[in-house]
N, C-alpha and C. Protein backbone atom coordinates (compact mmCIF):
# COMPACT_ATOMS: atom_id res chain seq x y z
N MET A 1 -16.11 -4.21 11.17
CA MET A 1 -15.00 -3.54 11.80
C MET A 1 -14.22 -4.53 12.66
N GLU A 2 -14.93 -5.38 13.37
CA GLU A 2 -14.27 -6.38 14.22
C GLU A 2 -13.42 -7.33 13.38
N TYR A 3 -13.95 -7.78 12.26
CA TYR A 3 -13.23 -8.68 11.35
C TYR A 3 -11.95 -8.02 10.85
N ASP A 4 -12.07 -6.79 10.38
CA ASP A 4 -10.90 -6.08 9.85
C ASP A 4 -9.85 -5.84 10.92
N SER A 5 -10.28 -5.44 12.11
CA SER A 5 -9.34 -5.18 13.19
C SER A 5 -8.54 -6.43 13.55
N LYS A 6 -9.19 -7.58 13.54
CA LYS A 6 -8.50 -8.84 13.86
C LYS A 6 -7.61 -9.31 12.72
N ASN A 7 -8.15 -9.34 11.50
CA ASN A 7 -7.44 -9.95 10.38
C ASN A 7 -6.41 -9.05 9.73
N PHE A 8 -6.45 -7.77 10.00
CA PHE A 8 -5.50 -6.84 9.39
C PHE A 8 -4.76 -6.04 10.46
N SER A 9 -4.56 -6.63 11.61
CA SER A 9 -3.93 -5.93 12.73
C SER A 9 -2.47 -5.56 12.45
N ASP A 10 -1.83 -6.23 11.50
CA ASP A 10 -0.45 -5.92 11.15
C ASP A 10 -0.34 -4.82 10.09
N CYS A 11 -1.47 -4.31 9.62
CA CYS A 11 -1.50 -3.31 8.55
C CYS A 11 -1.90 -1.94 9.11
N SER A 12 -1.46 -0.90 8.42
CA SER A 12 -1.93 0.45 8.74
C SER A 12 -3.33 0.60 8.19
N ILE A 13 -4.25 1.03 9.03
CA ILE A 13 -5.63 1.25 8.61
C ILE A 13 -6.00 2.68 8.96
N TYR A 14 -6.62 3.37 8.00
CA TYR A 14 -7.04 4.76 8.21
C TYR A 14 -8.53 4.88 8.02
N LEU A 15 -9.16 5.75 8.82
CA LEU A 15 -10.59 6.00 8.74
C LEU A 15 -10.83 7.49 8.70
N GLU A 16 -11.85 7.89 7.99
CA GLU A 16 -12.33 9.27 8.07
C GLU A 16 -13.53 9.25 9.01
N ASN A 17 -13.59 10.24 9.88
CA ASN A 17 -14.68 10.31 10.84
C ASN A 17 -15.40 11.63 10.66
N SER A 18 -16.68 11.56 10.38
CA SER A 18 -17.46 12.76 10.12
C SER A 18 -17.76 13.56 11.37
N ASN A 19 -17.27 13.11 12.51
CA ASN A 19 -17.48 13.76 13.79
C ASN A 19 -18.94 13.70 14.25
N ALA A 20 -19.72 12.81 13.66
CA ALA A 20 -21.09 12.61 14.13
C ALA A 20 -21.04 12.04 15.53
N GLN A 21 -22.00 12.40 16.34
CA GLN A 21 -22.01 11.96 17.74
C GLN A 21 -21.93 10.44 17.82
N GLY A 22 -20.99 9.94 18.56
CA GLY A 22 -20.84 8.51 18.78
C GLY A 22 -19.87 7.82 17.83
N ASP A 23 -19.58 8.42 16.67
CA ASP A 23 -18.68 7.78 15.71
C ASP A 23 -17.28 7.58 16.28
N LYS A 24 -16.73 8.63 16.88
CA LYS A 24 -15.38 8.55 17.41
C LYS A 24 -15.28 7.51 18.52
N ILE A 25 -16.29 7.46 19.38
CA ILE A 25 -16.31 6.47 20.47
C ILE A 25 -16.33 5.06 19.88
N PHE A 26 -17.13 4.87 18.83
CA PHE A 26 -17.21 3.56 18.17
C PHE A 26 -15.84 3.18 17.61
N ASP A 27 -15.18 4.11 16.90
CA ASP A 27 -13.87 3.82 16.31
C ASP A 27 -12.82 3.54 17.37
N GLU A 28 -12.84 4.31 18.45
CA GLU A 28 -11.87 4.11 19.53
C GLU A 28 -12.04 2.75 20.19
N LYS A 29 -13.24 2.24 20.19
CA LYS A 29 -13.51 0.91 20.75
C LYS A 29 -12.68 -0.17 20.02
N PHE A 30 -12.37 0.10 18.75
CA PHE A 30 -11.59 -0.85 17.95
C PHE A 30 -10.12 -0.45 17.83
N GLY A 31 -9.67 0.45 18.70
CA GLY A 31 -8.25 0.79 18.76
C GLY A 31 -7.81 1.91 17.85
N PHE A 32 -8.72 2.69 17.30
CA PHE A 32 -8.36 3.80 16.43
C PHE A 32 -8.29 5.09 17.23
N HIS A 33 -7.45 6.02 16.77
CA HIS A 33 -7.34 7.32 17.41
C HIS A 33 -7.09 8.38 16.35
N ALA A 34 -7.53 9.61 16.64
CA ALA A 34 -7.38 10.71 15.69
C ALA A 34 -5.92 11.12 15.59
N ILE A 35 -5.47 11.37 14.36
CA ILE A 35 -4.09 11.84 14.17
C ILE A 35 -4.03 13.24 13.58
N LYS A 36 -5.08 13.64 12.85
CA LYS A 36 -5.14 15.02 12.36
C LYS A 36 -6.50 15.27 11.72
N LYS A 37 -6.77 16.54 11.49
CA LYS A 37 -7.99 16.93 10.77
C LYS A 37 -7.63 17.07 9.29
N ILE A 38 -8.53 16.62 8.43
CA ILE A 38 -8.34 16.77 6.99
C ILE A 38 -9.61 17.38 6.39
N ASP A 39 -9.47 17.94 5.20
CA ASP A 39 -10.59 18.54 4.49
C ASP A 39 -11.08 17.55 3.43
N VAL A 40 -12.36 17.22 3.50
CA VAL A 40 -12.98 16.33 2.51
C VAL A 40 -14.16 17.09 1.90
N MET A 41 -13.96 17.55 0.67
CA MET A 41 -15.00 18.28 -0.04
C MET A 41 -15.53 19.46 0.77
N GLY A 42 -14.62 20.19 1.40
CA GLY A 42 -14.99 21.38 2.15
C GLY A 42 -15.45 21.13 3.57
N ILE A 43 -15.41 19.89 4.02
CA ILE A 43 -15.84 19.55 5.37
C ILE A 43 -14.63 19.05 6.16
N SER A 44 -14.43 19.60 7.35
CA SER A 44 -13.34 19.17 8.20
C SER A 44 -13.72 17.88 8.92
N VAL A 45 -12.92 16.85 8.74
CA VAL A 45 -13.16 15.57 9.39
C VAL A 45 -11.88 15.10 10.06
N ASP A 46 -12.02 14.20 11.02
CA ASP A 46 -10.87 13.61 11.67
C ASP A 46 -10.35 12.44 10.83
N LEU A 47 -9.03 12.33 10.74
CA LEU A 47 -8.40 11.15 10.15
C LEU A 47 -7.93 10.32 11.33
N LEU A 48 -8.39 9.08 11.38
CA LEU A 48 -8.03 8.18 12.47
C LEU A 48 -7.19 7.03 11.93
N THR A 49 -6.40 6.44 12.79
CA THR A 49 -5.61 5.29 12.40
C THR A 49 -5.46 4.34 13.60
N ASN A 50 -5.03 3.13 13.26
CA ASN A 50 -4.67 2.20 14.31
C ASN A 50 -3.21 2.45 14.68
N SER A 51 -2.65 1.73 15.60
CA SER A 51 -1.27 1.99 16.04
C SER A 51 -0.24 1.80 14.93
N LYS A 52 -0.52 0.94 13.95
CA LYS A 52 0.42 0.71 12.85
C LYS A 52 0.52 1.95 11.95
N GLY A 53 -0.56 2.71 11.85
CA GLY A 53 -0.56 3.91 11.02
C GLY A 53 0.28 5.03 11.56
N ASP A 54 0.60 5.01 12.85
CA ASP A 54 1.43 6.05 13.46
C ASP A 54 2.82 6.08 12.84
N GLN A 55 3.27 4.97 12.30
CA GLN A 55 4.62 4.89 11.76
C GLN A 55 4.73 5.57 10.40
N ILE A 56 3.62 5.85 9.73
CA ILE A 56 3.66 6.37 8.37
C ILE A 56 3.48 7.88 8.32
N ILE A 57 2.52 8.41 9.09
CA ILE A 57 2.21 9.84 8.99
C ILE A 57 3.01 10.62 10.00
């Protein structure tokens, strides 16, 4: 995650977060934030992005 955050900081990056305890805190540590809830195979999960992703959705 650290490598990707550094080397792809100019790109929009999206993550799915299963809402497991601690996952969101881990993702936020690398500059990601939730932008909406999405359905993945019947399970509601958070879609997170870095600041570059805010420009697309």
